[in-house]
Each structure stands twice: as structure tokens, then as C-alpha cells.
């Protein structure tokens, strides 16, 4: 399987971005996708998650406190793509953003995920 992120860039505080994670090659009937980020010198942080079971998608209630009310995960089944809509971006959101996949239920800890994309840089600066 493969995960490919896109959509990062340089934006100003208050702007919005939508990250995409193209998912391909997985044949699991029950799996989870998560968005994570890692800033220099910091631990990788889990942001938002969803799972898919027999074709039905469920978005987890859990959202990291740091992005609650600003970031939203969603999925386009037809495009096999998972999105992270990021609104009202702040300088502290600057990081490399990753999507990751695992078999089975959602986990919020990055160690639980086996498959990772290459990451996309988001920089928020005036």
C-alpha cells in the first residue's frame, strides 16, 4: 500500500489549507487513517482520525486539543483520498504533516501505525 500527501505550502496566519492523502494498494476491509504532524524538536502529534469497515467510514470523535474547532478530517471514497481541512492557521501549526494507515481500529498514537506517507510541509508565517 501507499499513501501520498499533498497540499502543503507557505501561508499567512488566519489562512486555510486543505491537505490530501491519496490512498492506494490496501486491500484491508477494516482499517484506520490518521493525520499527524511533527514540528522540529517535538514529538509526532496525532490530530484527527477515521476508519473504514466494509466500506463504511466513521470519523473519530477524538481531535487533538491544539487543532479542535479548526481542523477537520474527511474522505472522498470515489477518489480514495482522505483530506485534512485546516482553517484559521496559526504559526504554531508549522510542521511536516503526515497521513498514516493501520489495520483495525483507530489509535491516536503514532507508534500504532505501520504505513506512512512522505509528509508535506506546512509553514504559517507573516
Foldseek 3Di string as FASTA:
>chain_A
DAWAKDWADEAAAQAKTKMKIADDDDDAQKKKKWKWWDDPPDDIFTAWMWMHHNRDIDTDPDGDPVQPPFWDWDADVVRNMIMIIGGRDDQVVWTWMKMFMDGHDDDGDPVRTDHIHPTDTHGYHD
